[in-house]
Each structure stands twice: as C-alpha cells, then as structure tokens.
N, C-alpha and C. Protein backbone atom coordinates (compact mmCIF):
# COMPACT_ATOMS: atom_id res chain seq x y z
N MET A 1 109.95 118.56 97.84
CA MET A 1 109.45 117.67 96.84
C MET A 1 109.79 118.22 95.33
N GLN A 2 109.54 119.57 95.17
CA GLN A 2 109.68 120.05 93.96
C GLN A 2 111.23 120.17 93.58
N GLN A 3 112.01 120.18 94.56
CA GLN A 3 113.53 120.19 94.23
C GLN A 3 113.96 118.81 93.70
N ALA A 4 113.43 117.73 94.25
CA ALA A 4 114.00 116.36 93.98
C ALA A 4 113.03 115.78 92.92
N ALA A 5 111.93 116.32 92.64
CA ALA A 5 110.92 115.68 91.64
C ALA A 5 111.50 115.37 90.29
N GLY A 6 112.29 116.32 89.76
CA GLY A 6 112.90 116.13 88.44
C GLY A 6 113.91 114.86 88.39
N ASP A 7 114.67 114.73 89.63
CA ASP A 7 115.58 113.56 89.59
C ASP A 7 114.86 112.25 89.73
N ILE A 8 113.78 112.42 90.44
CA ILE A 8 113.00 111.20 90.95
C ILE A 8 112.16 110.69 89.71
N TYR A 9 111.20 111.59 89.14
CA TYR A 9 110.23 111.34 88.21
C TYR A 9 110.74 111.45 86.65
N GLY A 10 111.68 112.32 86.47
CA GLY A 10 112.17 112.65 85.19
C GLY A 10 111.05 113.35 84.24
N GLY A 11 111.25 113.44 82.91
CA GLY A 11 110.29 113.87 81.99
C GLY A 11 109.73 115.25 82.47
N GLU A 12 108.40 115.41 82.56
CA GLU A 12 107.69 116.59 82.73
C GLU A 12 108.29 117.40 84.05
N ALA A 13 108.43 116.47 85.03
CA ALA A 13 109.00 117.04 86.37
C ALA A 13 110.37 117.58 86.26
N ARG A 14 111.10 117.07 85.40
CA ARG A 14 112.52 117.55 85.26
C ARG A 14 112.48 118.83 84.43
N ARG A 15 111.71 118.98 83.39
CA ARG A 15 111.73 120.21 82.57
C ARG A 15 110.98 121.41 83.43
N ASN A 16 110.01 120.94 84.20
CA ASN A 16 109.14 122.03 84.90
C ASN A 16 108.78 121.54 86.31
N PRO A 17 109.79 121.68 87.37
CA PRO A 17 109.29 121.07 88.68
C PRO A 17 108.04 121.61 89.24
N LYS A 18 107.47 122.75 88.76
CA LYS A 18 106.36 123.39 89.31
C LYS A 18 105.06 122.55 88.89
N VAL A 19 105.22 121.61 87.92
CA VAL A 19 104.18 120.88 87.33
C VAL A 19 103.55 120.00 88.44
N LEU A 20 104.26 119.66 89.52
CA LEU A 20 103.74 118.80 90.46
C LEU A 20 103.16 119.61 91.65
N SER A 21 103.03 120.86 91.61
CA SER A 21 102.56 121.83 92.68
C SER A 21 101.09 121.40 92.99
N SER A 22 100.34 121.05 91.96
CA SER A 22 98.89 120.84 92.37
C SER A 22 98.71 119.46 93.09
N HIS A 23 99.78 118.62 93.00
CA HIS A 23 99.73 117.29 93.60
C HIS A 23 100.56 117.25 94.90
N THR A 24 101.48 118.05 95.22
CA THR A 24 102.37 117.84 96.31
C THR A 24 101.61 117.92 97.60
N SER A 25 100.55 118.60 97.72
CA SER A 25 99.81 118.74 98.94
C SER A 25 99.21 117.42 99.37
N ARG A 26 99.05 116.48 98.41
CA ARG A 26 98.41 115.17 98.71
C ARG A 26 99.41 114.10 98.84
N ILE A 27 100.75 114.43 98.51
CA ILE A 27 101.72 113.41 98.56
C ILE A 27 102.13 113.31 100.13
N ILE A 28 102.20 111.99 100.55
CA ILE A 28 102.75 111.92 101.90
C ILE A 28 104.12 111.05 101.58
N ALA A 29 105.12 111.48 102.35
CA ALA A 29 106.50 110.96 102.32
C ALA A 29 106.29 109.46 102.73
N PRO A 30 106.90 108.63 102.05
CA PRO A 30 106.87 107.08 102.33
C PRO A 30 107.70 106.92 103.73
N GLN A 31 107.05 105.96 104.56
CA GLN A 31 107.74 105.53 105.75
C GLN A 31 108.88 104.70 105.42
N PHE A 32 109.92 104.62 106.02
CA PHE A 32 111.19 103.84 105.73
C PHE A 32 110.89 102.37 105.37
N MET A 33 110.17 101.74 106.34
CA MET A 33 109.91 100.28 106.14
C MET A 33 109.13 99.96 105.03
N GLY A 34 108.12 100.88 104.64
CA GLY A 34 107.22 100.69 103.46
C GLY A 34 108.03 100.77 102.27
N TYR A 35 108.89 101.63 102.15
CA TYR A 35 109.85 101.98 101.00
C TYR A 35 110.92 100.73 100.88
N LEU A 36 111.41 100.25 102.03
CA LEU A 36 112.26 99.18 101.92
C LEU A 36 111.52 97.97 101.44
N TYR A 37 110.39 97.75 101.83
CA TYR A 37 109.59 96.41 101.37
C TYR A 37 109.31 96.54 99.95
N GLN A 38 109.05 97.78 99.50
CA GLN A 38 108.78 98.00 98.03
C GLN A 38 109.99 97.59 97.29
N LEU A 39 111.15 98.17 97.69
CA LEU A 39 112.34 97.77 97.04
C LEU A 39 112.77 96.28 97.05
N LEU A 40 112.36 95.71 98.16
CA LEU A 40 112.71 94.28 98.34
C LEU A 40 111.87 93.50 97.34
N ALA A 41 110.46 93.88 97.32
CA ALA A 41 109.58 93.17 96.37
C ALA A 41 110.07 93.26 94.99
N GLY A 42 110.53 94.30 94.55
CA GLY A 42 111.14 94.44 93.14
C GLY A 42 112.28 93.60 92.85
N VAL A 43 113.08 93.32 94.00
CA VAL A 43 114.33 92.51 93.78
C VAL A 43 113.96 91.12 93.70
N GLY A 44 113.04 90.66 94.50
CA GLY A 44 112.76 89.23 94.89
C GLY A 44 111.60 88.65 94.02
N TRP A 45 110.78 89.28 93.20
CA TRP A 45 109.71 88.72 92.49
C TRP A 45 109.61 89.31 91.13
N THR A 46 109.33 88.42 90.14
CA THR A 46 109.00 88.84 88.83
C THR A 46 108.01 88.03 88.12
N SER A 47 107.23 88.69 87.24
CA SER A 47 106.29 87.87 86.53
C SER A 47 106.77 87.68 85.08
N ILE A 48 107.94 87.89 84.84
CA ILE A 48 108.60 87.83 83.40
C ILE A 48 108.38 86.29 82.87
N HIS A 49 108.36 85.37 83.68
CA HIS A 49 108.16 84.03 83.26
C HIS A 49 106.88 83.65 82.87
N TRP A 50 105.89 84.50 83.15
CA TRP A 50 104.56 84.12 82.81
C TRP A 50 104.00 85.11 81.80
N LEU A 51 104.71 86.15 81.42
CA LEU A 51 104.11 87.10 80.44
C LEU A 51 103.66 86.41 79.12
N HIS A 52 104.35 85.45 78.57
CA HIS A 52 104.01 84.90 77.47
C HIS A 52 102.70 84.05 77.51
N ARG A 53 102.12 83.93 78.60
CA ARG A 53 100.82 83.22 78.86
C ARG A 53 99.68 84.24 78.60
N ILE A 54 99.88 85.52 78.70
CA ILE A 54 98.83 86.51 78.62
C ILE A 54 98.20 86.42 77.16
N ARG A 55 96.98 86.21 77.09
CA ARG A 55 96.31 86.04 75.65
C ARG A 55 95.44 87.25 75.46
N GLN A 56 95.30 88.12 76.31
CA GLN A 56 94.36 89.33 76.18
C GLN A 56 95.21 90.35 75.36
N PRO A 57 94.57 91.17 74.57
CA PRO A 57 95.27 92.32 73.87
C PRO A 57 95.84 93.25 75.01
N THR A 58 97.04 93.62 74.91
CA THR A 58 97.67 94.32 76.00
C THR A 58 98.31 95.59 75.51
N LEU A 59 98.05 96.76 76.20
CA LEU A 59 98.73 97.95 75.84
C LEU A 59 99.79 98.19 76.82
N VAL A 60 101.07 98.24 76.40
CA VAL A 60 102.30 98.48 77.11
C VAL A 60 102.72 99.94 77.02
N MET A 61 102.81 100.64 78.04
CA MET A 61 103.16 102.04 77.97
C MET A 61 104.32 102.31 78.95
N ALA A 62 105.11 103.27 78.46
CA ALA A 62 106.31 103.89 79.40
C ALA A 62 106.56 105.28 78.85
N GLY A 63 107.28 105.88 79.89
CA GLY A 63 107.67 107.30 79.44
C GLY A 63 109.13 107.28 78.99
N SER A 64 109.48 107.95 77.89
CA SER A 64 110.83 107.81 77.37
C SER A 64 111.84 108.36 78.24
N GLU A 65 111.59 109.28 79.26
CA GLU A 65 112.44 109.80 80.19
C GLU A 65 112.16 109.42 81.65
N ASP A 66 111.76 108.19 81.83
CA ASP A 66 111.39 107.61 83.25
C ASP A 66 112.73 107.12 83.96
N PRO A 67 113.22 107.76 84.78
CA PRO A 67 114.35 107.14 85.64
C PRO A 67 114.07 106.07 86.52
N LEU A 68 112.93 105.93 86.94
CA LEU A 68 112.48 104.97 87.89
C LEU A 68 112.28 103.52 87.25
N VAL A 69 111.63 103.57 86.12
CA VAL A 69 111.25 102.38 85.27
C VAL A 69 111.63 102.70 83.83
N PRO A 70 112.92 102.47 83.44
CA PRO A 70 113.35 102.83 82.18
C PRO A 70 112.52 102.25 81.14
N PRO A 71 112.40 102.82 79.89
CA PRO A 71 111.63 102.24 78.74
C PRO A 71 112.00 100.94 78.35
N VAL A 72 113.15 100.59 78.50
CA VAL A 72 113.65 99.30 78.11
C VAL A 72 112.83 98.21 78.79
N ASN A 73 112.39 98.51 79.98
CA ASN A 73 111.53 97.37 80.68
C ASN A 73 110.28 97.28 79.84
N ALA A 74 109.60 98.33 79.41
CA ALA A 74 108.34 98.12 78.64
C ALA A 74 108.70 97.34 77.30
N LYS A 75 109.89 97.66 76.78
CA LYS A 75 110.23 96.78 75.58
C LYS A 75 110.45 95.38 75.73
N ILE A 76 111.03 95.13 76.77
CA ILE A 76 111.11 93.63 77.25
C ILE A 76 109.72 93.05 77.47
N ILE A 77 108.95 93.70 78.19
CA ILE A 77 107.49 93.21 78.48
C ILE A 77 106.76 93.07 77.06
N ALA A 78 106.97 93.89 76.23
CA ALA A 78 106.27 93.97 74.94
C ALA A 78 106.78 92.67 74.08
N LEU A 79 108.02 92.35 74.19
CA LEU A 79 108.65 91.25 73.55
C LEU A 79 108.13 89.89 74.00
N LEU A 80 107.66 89.96 75.25
CA LEU A 80 107.18 88.62 75.87
C LEU A 80 105.67 88.42 75.90
N ILE A 81 104.92 89.55 75.67
CA ILE A 81 103.34 89.41 75.72
C ILE A 81 103.12 89.21 74.17
N PRO A 82 102.38 88.17 73.85
CA PRO A 82 102.09 87.83 72.42
C PRO A 82 101.27 88.95 71.74
N ASN A 83 100.15 89.45 72.33
CA ASN A 83 99.22 90.14 71.57
C ASN A 83 99.25 91.66 72.20
N ASN A 84 100.31 92.39 71.82
CA ASN A 84 100.46 93.58 72.51
C ASN A 84 100.62 94.85 71.54
N ARG A 85 100.60 95.99 72.11
CA ARG A 85 100.89 97.26 71.47
C ARG A 85 101.77 97.98 72.40
N LEU A 86 102.81 98.47 71.89
CA LEU A 86 103.87 99.28 72.84
C LEU A 86 103.69 100.75 72.34
N PHE A 87 103.65 101.52 73.43
CA PHE A 87 103.72 102.94 73.04
C PHE A 87 104.64 103.68 74.22
N ILE A 88 105.89 104.27 73.69
CA ILE A 88 106.63 104.96 74.54
C ILE A 88 106.34 106.43 74.38
N VAL A 89 105.93 107.05 75.48
CA VAL A 89 105.45 108.37 75.50
C VAL A 89 106.73 109.35 75.43
N PRO A 90 106.67 110.04 74.12
CA PRO A 90 107.81 111.04 73.99
C PRO A 90 107.85 112.00 75.08
N GLY A 91 109.08 112.20 75.76
CA GLY A 91 109.20 113.09 76.75
C GLY A 91 108.52 112.85 78.06
N GLY A 92 108.01 111.71 78.18
CA GLY A 92 107.19 111.29 79.34
C GLY A 92 108.06 110.77 80.44
N GLY A 93 107.80 111.19 81.70
CA GLY A 93 108.50 110.74 82.80
C GLY A 93 107.75 109.60 83.41
N HIS A 94 108.00 109.25 84.82
CA HIS A 94 107.42 108.38 85.46
C HIS A 94 105.94 108.53 85.60
N LEU A 95 105.61 109.85 85.75
CA LEU A 95 104.08 110.23 86.00
C LEU A 95 103.51 110.67 84.56
N PHE A 96 103.79 110.02 83.53
CA PHE A 96 103.30 110.41 82.20
C PHE A 96 101.90 110.44 82.14
N MET A 97 101.11 109.60 82.89
CA MET A 97 99.67 109.39 82.80
C MET A 97 99.06 110.69 83.42
N LEU A 98 99.79 111.43 84.30
CA LEU A 98 99.17 112.65 84.67
C LEU A 98 99.48 113.88 83.86
N TYR A 99 100.67 113.89 83.31
CA TYR A 99 101.16 115.12 82.70
C TYR A 99 101.37 115.04 81.17
N SER A 100 101.18 113.91 80.56
CA SER A 100 101.17 113.82 79.15
C SER A 100 99.84 113.25 78.47
N ILE A 101 98.82 113.82 79.20
CA ILE A 101 97.46 113.34 78.83
C ILE A 101 97.24 113.54 77.34
N ASP A 102 97.75 114.70 76.69
CA ASP A 102 97.42 114.84 75.29
C ASP A 102 98.11 113.82 74.47
N LYS A 103 99.06 113.05 74.83
CA LYS A 103 99.81 112.06 74.20
C LYS A 103 99.19 110.62 74.57
N VAL A 104 98.66 110.53 75.83
CA VAL A 104 98.26 109.22 76.26
C VAL A 104 96.88 108.92 75.84
N VAL A 105 95.97 109.83 76.07
CA VAL A 105 94.48 109.58 75.81
C VAL A 105 94.33 109.02 74.50
N PRO A 106 94.85 109.67 73.37
CA PRO A 106 94.35 109.09 72.04
C PRO A 106 94.92 107.67 71.82
N VAL A 107 96.00 107.34 72.41
CA VAL A 107 96.70 105.98 72.36
C VAL A 107 95.71 104.92 73.13
N VAL A 108 95.33 105.25 74.34
CA VAL A 108 94.44 104.46 75.19
C VAL A 108 93.17 104.42 74.47
N ARG A 109 92.64 105.48 73.92
CA ARG A 109 91.32 105.37 73.27
C ARG A 109 91.39 104.53 72.03
N GLY A 110 92.31 104.80 71.25
CA GLY A 110 92.58 104.06 70.05
C GLY A 110 92.67 102.43 70.35
N PHE A 111 93.48 102.14 71.33
CA PHE A 111 93.58 100.70 71.74
C PHE A 111 92.21 100.15 72.20
N LEU A 112 91.53 100.85 73.01
CA LEU A 112 90.18 100.30 73.50
C LEU A 112 89.13 100.26 72.43
N ASP A 113 89.15 101.16 71.42
CA ASP A 113 88.21 101.13 70.41
C ASP A 113 88.61 100.15 69.32
N SER A 114 89.85 99.66 69.23
CA SER A 114 90.27 98.85 68.06
C SER A 114 89.60 97.58 68.37
N GLU A 115 89.47 96.78 67.23
CA GLU A 115 89.01 95.48 67.40
C GLU A 115 90.08 94.50 67.15
N VAL A 116 90.85 94.47 68.28
CA VAL A 116 92.03 93.57 68.27
C VAL A 116 91.59 92.19 68.41
N PRO A 117 91.96 91.10 67.59
CA PRO A 117 91.44 89.92 67.83
C PRO A 117 92.18 89.22 69.03
N LEU A 118 91.50 88.51 69.68
CA LEU A 118 92.06 87.68 70.88
C LEU A 118 93.01 86.73 70.40
N ALA A 119 94.13 86.42 71.14
CA ALA A 119 95.12 85.43 70.65
C ALA A 119 94.50 83.97 70.90
N ALA A 120 94.77 83.08 69.96
CA ALA A 120 94.29 81.88 70.16
C ALA A 120 94.95 81.05 71.35
C-alpha cells in the first residue's frame, strides 16, 4: 500500500508515503467486482445536469494534486452550483481531508460560520 499510495492518492502520500502508515492497518483491498461496479457507476451516471438547481450555500473542495479526481472537476462543479465557494487545497491529494487538516479546518469553519444568504 505504501509503495502505490503516492501514485493512487497524490499530494501528501506522494511526498511522504509513510503518512498513510497509521491508516493502512484498517484499509481492506477492494474486491474486484466492487471496484468494477464503482468504475461503471462513474461512467454511467452524473449529477451535472442538476447542479444548477442546488440553492443551499455549497462549499466545493478539492486537492490540487489529486490524481483520482482532478481539481478541474471541482472547478466545473463550482461553475454550475449558483451559491458556492470553491477551495482548492494547495498540495492536497485525494485524501486532503485527512492530511491537510491545517488548511481544511479554517476553510470549513469559515464557511459554516459565515452568514451566506440563501439563493432565491
């Protein structure tokens, strides 16, 4: 897991593969069919046509170095959701919520504490 983590998750795992050592004991390798179904779901379904209907304030986040879900996806989502805030985590990989806490928590806290008006 540590050998492949950098290629899979990018960001923190690419710079320091040992960062996952506290989590690898709980990670179970996916079964082939489960992985296949996940890939097929991503190919055959999208919510992109409905994003413009979201009226709630929305925080869109992504890691700048995520090889699984590139940050351009978050930028597209942010373009389509009317009342959003976009934050690309500098140096963040796919697991930025675990390993970029110092960058993520202030943004989430600020978003939740702000008085963003609801869209009409």
